[in-house]
Protein backbone atom coordinates (compact mmCIF):
# COMPACT_ATOMS: atom_id res chain seq x y z
CA MET A 1 60.76 -80.11 -23.21
CA SER A 2 62.17 -76.87 -22.01
CA ARG A 3 59.15 -74.97 -23.29
CA GLU A 4 56.66 -77.62 -21.59
CA LEU A 5 58.53 -77.35 -18.62
CA ALA A 6 58.80 -73.39 -18.42
CA ILE A 7 54.72 -73.45 -19.26
CA LEU A 8 54.57 -76.26 -16.04
CA GLU A 9 56.90 -73.34 -13.82
CA LYS A 10 54.00 -70.75 -14.96
CA LEU A 11 51.02 -72.87 -14.08
CA GLU A 12 52.68 -73.66 -10.58
CA LYS A 13 53.72 -70.10 -9.66
CA GLU A 14 50.12 -69.28 -10.89
CA LEU A 15 48.45 -71.85 -8.62
CA ASN A 16 50.94 -71.03 -5.70
CA LEU A 17 49.76 -67.46 -6.39
CA LYS A 18 46.23 -68.42 -5.98
CA GLN A 19 46.41 -70.39 -3.23
CA LEU A 20 48.47 -67.63 -1.24
CA GLN A 21 45.27 -64.85 -2.30
CA ILE A 22 42.98 -67.59 -1.01
CA LYS A 23 44.99 -68.07 1.91
CA SER A 24 45.10 -64.04 2.75
CA LEU A 25 41.53 -63.56 1.76
CA LEU A 26 40.52 -66.41 4.49
CA THR A 27 42.67 -64.72 7.02
CA ILE A 28 41.69 -61.53 6.61
CA THR A 29 37.89 -62.21 6.27
CA GLN A 30 38.54 -64.33 9.47
CA ALA A 31 40.01 -61.39 11.25
CA ILE A 32 37.25 -59.51 10.33
CA ASN A 33 34.54 -61.81 11.24
CA ASP A 34 36.66 -62.12 14.77
CA ASN A 35 35.95 -58.13 15.21
CA ILE A 36 39.68 -57.45 15.04
CA SER A 37 40.33 -53.77 15.87
CA ALA A 38 41.22 -51.17 13.18
CA GLU A 39 45.06 -51.02 14.09
CA GLY A 40 44.76 -54.91 13.55
CA LEU A 41 43.39 -54.94 10.54
CA TYR A 42 46.14 -52.70 9.35
CA ASN A 43 49.04 -54.60 10.21
CA MET A 44 47.58 -57.60 8.74
CA TYR A 45 47.44 -55.13 5.17
CA LYS A 46 50.97 -53.89 5.52
CA SER A 47 51.70 -57.41 6.64
CA PHE A 48 49.96 -58.91 3.05
CA LEU A 49 51.40 -56.12 0.94
CA SER A 50 54.97 -56.56 2.55
CA TRP A 51 55.21 -60.40 2.16
CA GLU A 52 52.82 -61.79 0.36
CA MET A 53 52.49 -59.13 -2.55
CA GLU A 54 56.35 -58.26 -2.18
CA ILE A 55 55.69 -54.60 -2.05
CA ASP A 56 58.05 -52.32 -0.83
CA LYS A 57 55.86 -48.96 -0.53
CA MET A 58 52.88 -47.54 0.55
CA VAL A 59 50.35 -45.03 2.06
CA LEU A 60 46.88 -45.85 3.01
CA PHE A 61 44.26 -43.00 3.84
CA ILE A 62 41.14 -43.55 5.15
CA LYS A 63 38.17 -40.79 5.63
CA VAL A 64 36.98 -40.45 9.39
CA ASP A 65 34.82 -37.75 9.80
CA GLU A 66 34.55 -35.67 6.52
CA LYS A 67 38.58 -35.69 7.02
CA TRP A 68 41.88 -37.73 5.82
CA LYS A 69 43.40 -39.61 7.69
CA CYS A 70 47.07 -41.37 7.19
CA ALA A 71 46.34 -44.97 8.35
CA ALA A 72 49.25 -47.27 7.52
CA THR A 73 52.29 -46.64 5.85
CA ILE A 74 55.08 -49.02 4.36
CA ASN A 75 58.75 -47.03 3.88
CA ALA A 76 56.79 -43.91 4.05
CA SER A 77 56.47 -40.86 6.51
CA LYS A 78 52.75 -40.67 7.97
CA GLU A 79 53.55 -36.93 9.21
CA ASN A 80 54.57 -35.96 5.83
CA SER A 81 52.12 -37.93 3.94
CA GLY A 82 49.26 -35.36 4.35
CA VAL A 83 51.01 -33.38 1.04
CA LEU A 84 49.81 -36.96 -0.57
CA VAL A 85 45.83 -36.09 -0.37
CA PRO A 86 45.18 -33.20 -2.16
CA LYS A 87 46.91 -35.07 -5.50
CA ILE A 88 45.31 -38.45 -5.37
CA ILE A 89 41.84 -37.41 -4.23
CA LYS A 90 40.72 -36.67 -8.02
CA TYR A 91 41.33 -40.31 -8.79
CA LYS A 92 37.81 -42.20 -8.93
CA ARG A 93 39.35 -45.64 -10.30
CA LEU A 94 42.29 -47.30 -9.92
CA HIS A 95 45.28 -45.35 -11.93
CA THR A 96 48.85 -46.38 -13.06
CA ILE A 97 51.29 -43.66 -11.85
CA LYS A 98 53.26 -42.07 -15.17
CA ASP A 99 56.03 -40.05 -15.40
CA GLU A 100 53.97 -36.77 -16.38
CA ASP A 101 52.18 -37.15 -13.21
CA GLU A 102 53.06 -34.80 -10.50
CA GLU A 103 56.30 -35.38 -9.36
CA ILE A 104 55.46 -36.11 -5.56
CA LEU A 105 53.81 -39.44 -6.86
CA THR A 106 56.38 -40.89 -9.04
CA ASP A 107 57.82 -42.90 -5.93
CA PHE A 108 54.68 -45.19 -6.40
CA ASP A 109 53.02 -47.08 -9.15
CA ILE A 110 49.64 -46.92 -8.26
CA ILE A 111 46.89 -45.20 -6.79
CA ILE A 112 43.80 -47.49 -5.49
CA PRO A 113 40.57 -45.74 -4.79
CA VAL A 114 37.74 -47.22 -2.65
CA PHE A 115 34.39 -45.58 -3.13
CA HIS A 116 31.12 -46.66 -1.72
CA LYS A 117 27.94 -45.11 -3.36
CA GLU A 118 30.19 -42.74 -4.70
CA GLN A 119 31.54 -41.57 -1.93
CA PRO A 120 35.15 -42.17 -1.31
CA LEU A 121 36.01 -44.31 1.86
CA ALA A 122 39.82 -44.74 1.12
CA TYR A 123 42.89 -44.34 -0.85
CA ALA A 124 45.70 -46.47 -0.97
CA ILE A 125 49.12 -45.52 -2.86
CA ILE A 126 51.58 -48.59 -3.65
CA GLY A 127 54.98 -48.35 -4.98
CA GLY A 128 57.70 -50.75 -5.24
CA ILE A 129 56.46 -53.97 -6.72
CA ARG A 130 59.14 -56.21 -6.59
CA GLU A 131 57.36 -59.35 -8.21
CA LYS A 132 56.47 -58.19 -11.77
CA SER A 133 55.10 -61.22 -13.01
CA ASP A 134 51.18 -61.60 -13.25
CA LEU A 135 51.29 -57.61 -12.53
CA TYR A 136 47.49 -57.58 -13.49
CA ASN A 137 46.21 -60.22 -11.16
CA ARG A 138 48.61 -59.14 -8.48
CA ILE A 139 46.85 -55.56 -8.86
CA GLN A 140 43.57 -56.72 -9.10
CA PHE A 141 43.79 -58.95 -5.41
CA ILE A 142 45.86 -56.12 -4.33
CA THR A 143 42.85 -53.90 -4.84
CA THR A 144 40.34 -56.26 -3.48
CA ILE A 145 41.99 -56.97 -0.32
CA THR A 146 42.06 -52.62 -0.02
CA ASN A 147 38.82 -52.64 -0.87
CA ILE A 148 37.89 -55.16 2.29
CA ILE A 149 40.07 -53.65 5.00
CA ALA A 150 38.52 -49.83 3.85
CA VAL A 151 35.12 -51.09 3.94
CA ALA A 152 35.55 -53.42 6.98
CA ILE A 153 36.96 -50.30 8.54
CA GLU A 154 34.08 -48.05 7.80
CA ASN A 155 31.46 -50.84 8.92
CA LYS A 156 33.28 -50.59 12.24
CA ARG A 157 32.82 -46.82 12.30
CA LEU A 158 29.62 -46.94 11.27
CA PHE A 159 28.64 -49.68 13.94
CA LYS A 160 30.31 -47.73 16.97
CA GLN A 161 28.56 -44.48 15.47
CA GLN A 162 25.15 -46.41 15.61
CA ILE A 163 26.30 -47.63 19.45
CA GLU A 164 27.28 -44.66 20.42
CA GLN A 165 23.36 -42.82 18.50
CA GLU A 166 21.59 -45.72 20.79
CA ARG A 167 23.21 -44.54 24.22
CA LEU A 168 22.82 -41.13 23.48
CA LYS A 169 18.87 -41.89 22.56
CA ARG A 170 18.80 -44.27 25.93
CA GLU A 171 20.28 -41.04 27.77
CA ILE A 172 17.84 -38.65 25.83
CA GLN A 173 15.01 -41.10 27.23
CA LEU A 174 16.03 -41.22 30.43
CA ALA A 175 16.77 -37.47 30.24
CA SER A 176 13.10 -37.12 29.07
CA GLU A 177 11.63 -39.57 31.55
CA VAL A 178 13.35 -37.50 34.61
CA GLN A 179 12.29 -33.87 33.05
CA GLN A 180 8.66 -35.05 33.03
CA MET A 181 8.81 -35.86 36.67
CA LEU A 182 9.86 -32.55 37.15
CA ILE A 183 7.21 -30.92 35.53
CA PRO A 184 3.81 -30.83 37.71
CA GLU A 185 1.61 -33.47 35.59
CA SER A 186 -1.64 -31.34 37.14
CA PHE A 187 -2.03 -28.18 39.34
CA PRO A 188 -4.90 -27.04 41.76
CA CYS A 189 -8.36 -26.08 41.04
CA CYS A 190 -9.84 -24.90 43.99
CA GLU A 191 -12.23 -22.07 45.41
CA GLU A 192 -9.33 -19.76 45.79
CA TYR A 193 -7.56 -20.46 42.44
CA ALA A 194 -6.88 -22.41 39.65
CA LEU A 195 -3.60 -23.45 37.30
CA SER A 196 -3.21 -24.97 34.30
CA LYS A 197 -0.20 -25.69 32.14
CA ILE A 198 1.23 -25.75 28.68
CA TYR A 199 4.33 -27.66 28.08
CA LYS A 200 5.57 -28.45 24.92
CA PRO A 201 9.69 -29.57 24.76
CA HIS A 202 10.88 -29.02 21.03
CA PHE A 203 12.94 -32.00 21.31
CA ASN A 204 12.65 -35.08 23.70
CA ILE A 205 14.38 -32.42 26.50
CA GLY A 206 13.59 -29.08 26.70
CA GLY A 207 14.75 -26.13 28.97
CA ASP A 208 11.50 -24.86 30.20
CA TYR A 209 10.68 -25.37 33.43
CA ILE A 210 7.45 -24.72 35.83
CA ASP A 211 6.41 -25.67 39.05
CA PHE A 212 3.93 -24.59 41.71
CA ILE A 213 4.22 -24.51 45.88
CA SER A 214 1.60 -24.28 48.16
CA PHE A 215 2.35 -23.22 51.54
CA ASP A 216 -1.15 -23.22 53.19
CA LYS A 217 -4.70 -22.99 51.89
CA ASN A 218 -4.49 -19.21 51.36
CA ARG A 219 -0.98 -19.25 49.98
CA PHE A 220 0.91 -20.71 47.12
CA ALA A 221 3.68 -19.69 44.89
CA PHE A 222 4.48 -20.55 41.28
CA CYS A 223 7.35 -20.22 38.86
CA ILE A 224 8.61 -20.60 35.37
CA ALA A 225 11.85 -20.68 34.08
CA ASP A 226 13.97 -21.14 30.68
CA ILE A 227 17.12 -22.71 30.86
CA SER A 228 19.84 -21.90 28.34
CA GLY A 229 21.01 -25.05 26.10
CA LYS A 230 19.00 -28.14 25.49
CA GLY A 231 19.80 -31.55 25.90
CA VAL A 232 20.82 -33.92 28.72
CA ALA A 233 22.71 -31.11 30.17
CA ALA A 234 19.51 -28.69 30.47
CA ALA A 235 17.98 -31.67 32.06
CA LEU A 236 20.49 -32.26 34.31
CA LEU A 237 20.63 -28.59 35.77
CA MET A 238 16.96 -28.61 35.65
CA ALA A 239 16.91 -31.21 38.24
CA ASN A 240 19.68 -29.21 40.39
CA PHE A 241 17.16 -26.29 39.73
CA GLN A 242 13.98 -28.06 41.03
CA ALA A 243 15.80 -29.36 43.93
CA ILE A 244 17.12 -26.36 45.06
CA ILE A 245 13.95 -24.26 44.47
CA GLN A 246 11.86 -26.82 46.71
CA THR A 247 14.28 -26.53 49.31
CA PHE A 248 15.14 -22.45 49.51
CA ILE A 249 11.22 -21.71 48.96
CA TYR A 250 10.53 -22.62 52.29
CA GLN A 251 14.01 -21.62 54.14
CA TYR A 252 13.97 -18.21 52.97
CA ARG A 253 10.85 -16.55 53.34
CA ASP A 254 11.07 -13.42 51.31
CA LEU A 255 11.55 -13.64 47.66
CA GLU A 256 14.50 -11.08 47.70
CA THR A 257 16.64 -13.48 49.94
CA PHE A 258 15.24 -16.66 48.38
CA ILE A 259 16.39 -15.20 44.81
CA PHE A 260 19.66 -13.84 45.93
CA ALA A 261 20.55 -17.62 47.69
CA LEU A 262 19.21 -19.44 44.42
CA ASN A 263 21.61 -17.30 42.12
CA GLN A 264 24.21 -18.18 44.43
CA ALA A 265 23.51 -21.82 44.30
CA VAL A 266 22.81 -21.92 40.32
CA TYR A 267 26.54 -20.07 39.83
CA ARG A 268 28.09 -22.31 42.23
CA ILE A 269 26.78 -25.20 39.89
CA THR A 270 27.62 -23.34 36.26
CA LYS A 271 30.34 -21.48 36.99
CA ALA A 272 28.50 -18.77 34.60
CA ASP A 273 28.41 -21.63 31.81
CA LYS A 274 24.80 -21.49 31.94
CA TYR A 275 22.20 -19.36 32.81
CA ILE A 276 18.49 -19.04 33.76
CA THR A 277 15.76 -16.72 33.05
CA PHE A 278 13.39 -16.79 36.16
CA PHE A 279 10.09 -15.45 36.76
CA ILE A 280 8.47 -16.47 40.79
CA ALA A 281 5.29 -15.41 41.67
CA GLU A 282 3.99 -16.03 45.44
CA ILE A 283 0.07 -15.06 46.33
CA ASP A 284 -1.94 -14.62 49.38
CA THR A 285 -5.57 -14.66 48.58
CA ARG A 286 -6.53 -13.92 52.33
CA LYS A 287 -4.94 -10.54 51.18
CA MET A 288 -5.31 -10.71 47.85
CA GLU A 289 -2.03 -9.84 47.52
CA LEU A 290 0.89 -10.48 44.34
CA LYS A 291 4.73 -10.31 45.35
CA TYR A 292 6.69 -11.36 42.29
CA ILE A 293 10.00 -11.15 41.22
CA ASN A 294 10.88 -11.30 37.74
CA ALA A 295 15.09 -12.42 36.83
CA GLY A 296 15.47 -11.67 33.00
CA HIS A 297 11.99 -13.60 32.02
CA TYR A 298 9.97 -13.06 29.57
CA PRO A 299 7.41 -10.38 31.35
CA PRO A 300 4.48 -12.32 32.35
CA VAL A 301 0.72 -10.73 31.47
CA LEU A 302 -1.23 -9.49 34.12
CA ILE A 303 -5.07 -8.89 33.71
CA ASN A 304 -6.34 -6.84 37.35
CA GLY A 305 -9.64 -5.54 37.16
CA GLY A 306 -9.92 -5.42 33.70
CA LYS A 307 -6.81 -3.60 33.17
CA LEU A 308 -3.40 -5.31 31.37
CA ARG A 309 -0.29 -4.88 32.75
CA ARG A 310 3.43 -6.85 32.57
CA LEU A 311 5.55 -8.06 35.49
CA GLU A 312 8.75 -6.90 34.36
CA GLU A 313 10.45 -5.74 38.04
CA GLY A 314 12.77 -7.92 39.80
CA THR A 315 16.54 -8.37 38.85
CA THR A 316 18.85 -10.02 35.96
CA VAL A 317 18.97 -13.62 34.84
CA ILE A 318 19.98 -16.30 37.53
CA GLY A 319 23.53 -18.08 37.38
CA ALA A 320 25.47 -15.29 34.98
CA PHE A 321 27.01 -13.46 38.20
CA GLU A 322 27.96 -14.37 41.37
CA LYS A 323 26.21 -11.64 43.24
CA LEU A 324 23.05 -10.16 41.89
CA PRO A 325 23.66 -6.48 41.23
CA VAL A 326 20.11 -5.15 42.44
CA ILE A 327 16.72 -7.22 43.35
CA LYS A 328 13.70 -5.82 43.27
CA GLU A 329 10.40 -7.32 44.70
CA GLU A 330 7.12 -5.85 43.49
CA ILE A 331 3.99 -6.10 45.92
CA VAL A 332 0.64 -5.75 43.54
CA PRO A 333 -2.68 -5.94 45.32
CA ILE A 334 -5.18 -7.97 43.04
CA LYS A 335 -8.83 -8.11 42.45
CA LYS A 336 -10.99 -10.72 42.23
CA ASP A 337 -10.71 -12.86 39.04
CA ALA A 338 -7.64 -11.39 38.52
CA LEU A 339 -5.32 -13.93 36.01
CA ILE A 340 -1.81 -13.99 34.90
CA LEU A 341 -0.21 -15.44 31.88
CA SER A 342 3.29 -16.56 32.22
CA PHE A 343 5.39 -18.02 29.29
CA THR A 344 8.70 -18.75 28.07
CA ASP A 345 10.15 -16.78 24.53
CA GLY A 346 9.03 -19.97 22.55
CA LEU A 347 5.81 -18.45 23.18
CA ALA A 348 6.52 -14.95 21.59
CA ASP A 349 9.28 -16.26 18.98
CA LEU A 350 6.71 -18.70 17.62
CA ARG A 351 6.66 -17.98 13.43
CA ASN A 352 4.01 -18.57 10.82
CA GLU A 353 4.17 -19.70 7.35
CA GLU A 354 4.51 -15.91 6.26
CA GLY A 355 7.48 -15.63 8.95
CA ASP A 356 5.72 -13.32 11.21
CA PHE A 357 6.17 -13.51 15.13
CA PHE A 358 3.38 -14.08 17.49
CA GLU A 359 4.12 -11.06 19.32
CA ASP A 360 3.35 -9.24 22.18
CA LYS A 361 0.39 -7.24 21.12
CA LYS A 362 -1.04 -10.65 19.64
CA ILE A 363 -0.59 -12.40 23.08
CA GLU A 364 -1.72 -9.34 25.04
CA ASN A 365 -5.07 -9.10 22.78
CA PHE A 366 -5.65 -12.79 23.30
CA VAL A 367 -5.31 -12.01 27.11
CA LEU A 368 -7.57 -9.45 27.23
CA ASN A 369 -10.61 -11.22 25.21
CA ASN A 370 -10.06 -14.66 26.96
CA SER A 371 -9.67 -13.25 30.70
CA ASN A 372 -12.91 -14.20 31.57
CA LYS A 373 -12.07 -18.07 31.46
CA THR A 374 -10.82 -20.73 33.83
CA PRO A 375 -7.22 -21.15 33.05
CA VAL A 376 -8.15 -24.66 31.76
CA GLU A 377 -10.52 -23.06 29.06
CA PHE A 378 -8.13 -19.90 28.75
CA ASN A 379 -4.98 -22.86 27.85
CA GLU A 380 -7.22 -24.88 25.42
CA GLU A 381 -8.20 -21.44 23.82
CA LEU A 382 -4.91 -20.34 23.35
CA MET A 383 -3.55 -23.78 22.23
CA SER A 384 -5.85 -23.39 19.11
CA GLU A 385 -4.78 -20.12 18.58
CA ILE A 386 -1.20 -21.47 18.38
CA ASN A 387 -2.32 -24.16 16.23
CA ILE A 388 -3.91 -22.03 13.42
CA PHE A 389 -1.03 -18.93 13.89
CA LYS A 390 1.45 -21.26 13.15
CA GLY A 391 -0.04 -23.53 10.35
CA ASP A 392 2.13 -26.65 9.18
CA GLN A 393 5.17 -24.61 10.61
CA GLU A 394 7.26 -26.86 13.24
CA TYR A 395 7.78 -25.51 16.90
CA SER A 396 11.30 -23.11 16.77
CA ASP A 397 12.02 -23.85 20.35
CA ASP A 398 10.04 -25.11 23.56
CA ILE A 399 6.88 -23.89 24.82
CA ALA A 400 5.74 -23.68 28.40
CA VAL A 401 2.89 -21.41 29.58
CA LEU A 402 1.44 -21.00 33.02
CA THR A 403 -1.62 -19.44 33.36
CA CYS A 404 -3.11 -18.62 37.25
CA LYS A 405 -6.53 -17.11 37.99
CA VAL A 406 -7.61 -16.15 41.55
CA PHE A 407 -11.76 -16.09 42.03
């Protein structure tokens, strides 16, 4: 009779354990479905181990951004737990700690690793198991709950990351749309002059900027700039930069004063954290005169009367210094059919499959051989030349080209 009673008690105990396990599983699953916080899940895990599994000691490590973080403990110090990490990450399966294991681990009984597609997500180290009956099933269930908690935390992280990526994607899309609005969609073509552009941002948002300003029928200005950095920050700076240019170009009648004021305005915004290479030219078709200032930008190419020269005079980059050291404007008499090719360094830095650059000599030869074309034809031929040169290579940087011809 006593044997039957013992069997009955054992079965009753096992039944109670199973009921407890089912209840725990349902409670934790419901909490996950209710989107409980990570901290809430850690507290539930600790409560489950302490009260239901009768565990006296535990340390839980979760992998966050390729680093191990101590997420929860029972009767163990979070601050000092980091020393355990190098000792446990070698285990890929459930490990029962033995006397011959490293001394620092002997306060614990088992190591539970949690992996997903061969990538470690978490490690739980458990010790002080008070209830030894049906130990195998208890450990298996603890392992199951540990896996559920760790995977839930990882899913939260991935979901948060996805939300952040979607937010960033929307920001980039918005910044890209704003940036496209800042770049003139088309340029004028009249009896006196014509302009044409090539604009290829490396990513959705580039750091290159081109613009055109008309003063009257015979006088206009154009500019090209390369803003340091990429992404949303560059787009925001570009928006500010364009607004400043459009205001100051009418406020300051000579280019030297304009550049001086432009630099001060940009410096106030960036505090030298970013800088801008900038080239601006003003052309008077009645006087057949070109005025320009080059602020640290890649020197444009001028074909004038069949002769080639680079437009290099000016000053240093915009926004790097509170005051520009020297500003020098150059005035160049121009002849009929003068052509100016201005571009950002993305063109000169372009590489082909052999690693060769689209170097200055190649650019100058191209300009000499195609200066008889209209700006639109010139740019079409240039794009064809670029595509042939780079082959299957991707663009390594933004490319902006502004071609101007005076008839």
